[in-house]
N, C-alpha and C. Protein backbone atom coordinates (compact mmCIF):
# COMPACT_ATOMS: atom_id res chain seq x y z
N MET A 1 0.84 -1.20 0.00
CA MET A 1 0.00 0.00 0.00
C MET A 1 0.88 1.25 0.00
N LYS A 2 2.18 1.07 -0.09
CA LYS A 2 3.09 2.22 -0.09
C LYS A 2 2.79 3.12 -1.27
N LEU A 3 2.38 2.53 -2.38
CA LEU A 3 2.10 3.30 -3.60
C LEU A 3 0.96 4.28 -3.35
N ILE A 4 -0.10 3.80 -2.69
CA ILE A 4 -1.26 4.66 -2.43
C ILE A 4 -0.86 5.83 -1.54
N ILE A 5 -0.05 5.57 -0.54
CA ILE A 5 0.39 6.63 0.37
C ILE A 5 1.18 7.67 -0.40
N THR A 6 2.07 7.21 -1.27
CA THR A 6 2.86 8.14 -2.09
C THR A 6 1.95 8.95 -2.97
N VAL A 7 0.94 8.30 -3.51
CA VAL A 7 -0.02 8.98 -4.40
C VAL A 7 -0.72 10.10 -3.63
N VAL A 8 -1.17 9.79 -2.43
CA VAL A 8 -1.90 10.78 -1.63
C VAL A 8 -0.99 11.96 -1.29
N GLN A 9 0.28 11.68 -1.05
CA GLN A 9 1.21 12.75 -0.67
C GLN A 9 1.63 13.57 -1.87
N ASN A 10 1.41 13.03 -3.07
CA ASN A 10 1.83 13.75 -4.29
C ASN A 10 0.62 14.03 -5.16
N LYS A 11 -0.27 14.87 -4.65
CA LYS A 11 -1.49 15.19 -5.41
C LYS A 11 -1.13 15.89 -6.71
N ASP A 12 0.06 16.48 -6.76
CA ASP A 12 0.49 17.17 -7.98
C ASP A 12 0.68 16.19 -9.12
N ALA A 13 1.01 14.95 -8.79
CA ALA A 13 1.25 13.94 -9.81
C ALA A 13 -0.04 13.22 -10.17
N ASP A 14 -1.09 14.00 -10.40
CA ASP A 14 -2.40 13.41 -10.70
C ASP A 14 -2.34 12.53 -11.94
N GLU A 15 -1.64 13.01 -12.95
CA GLU A 15 -1.55 12.23 -14.20
C GLU A 15 -0.81 10.93 -13.96
N VAL A 16 0.28 11.01 -13.23
CA VAL A 16 1.06 9.81 -12.93
C VAL A 16 0.22 8.84 -12.10
N VAL A 17 -0.50 9.38 -11.15
CA VAL A 17 -1.37 8.57 -10.31
C VAL A 17 -2.39 7.84 -11.16
N ASP A 18 -2.99 8.57 -12.08
CA ASP A 18 -4.00 7.98 -12.96
C ASP A 18 -3.40 6.82 -13.74
N ALA A 19 -2.20 7.02 -14.26
CA ALA A 19 -1.54 5.97 -15.04
C ALA A 19 -1.24 4.77 -14.15
N LEU A 20 -0.76 5.03 -12.95
CA LEU A 20 -0.43 3.93 -12.03
C LEU A 20 -1.69 3.17 -11.65
N VAL A 21 -2.74 3.88 -11.33
CA VAL A 21 -4.01 3.24 -10.96
C VAL A 21 -4.53 2.41 -12.12
N SER A 22 -4.43 2.97 -13.31
CA SER A 22 -4.89 2.26 -14.50
C SER A 22 -4.09 0.96 -14.67
N ALA A 23 -2.79 1.05 -14.50
CA ALA A 23 -1.92 -0.12 -14.65
C ALA A 23 -2.26 -1.15 -13.57
N GLU A 24 -2.52 -0.67 -12.36
CA GLU A 24 -2.84 -1.59 -11.26
C GLU A 24 -4.12 -2.36 -11.54
N PHE A 25 -5.13 -1.68 -12.03
CA PHE A 25 -6.41 -2.33 -12.28
C PHE A 25 -6.36 -3.19 -13.54
N ARG A 26 -5.49 -2.80 -14.48
CA ARG A 26 -5.35 -3.57 -15.73
C ARG A 26 -4.57 -4.85 -15.47
N ALA A 27 -3.66 -4.81 -14.49
CA ALA A 27 -2.83 -5.97 -14.18
C ALA A 27 -3.69 -7.02 -13.48
């Protein structure tokens, strides 16, 4: 769950977060 915590702390990286979330759900 470290990824989610990093995502929450880096709201500026919304696009990166979206890509990561997409990859997570696609995997």
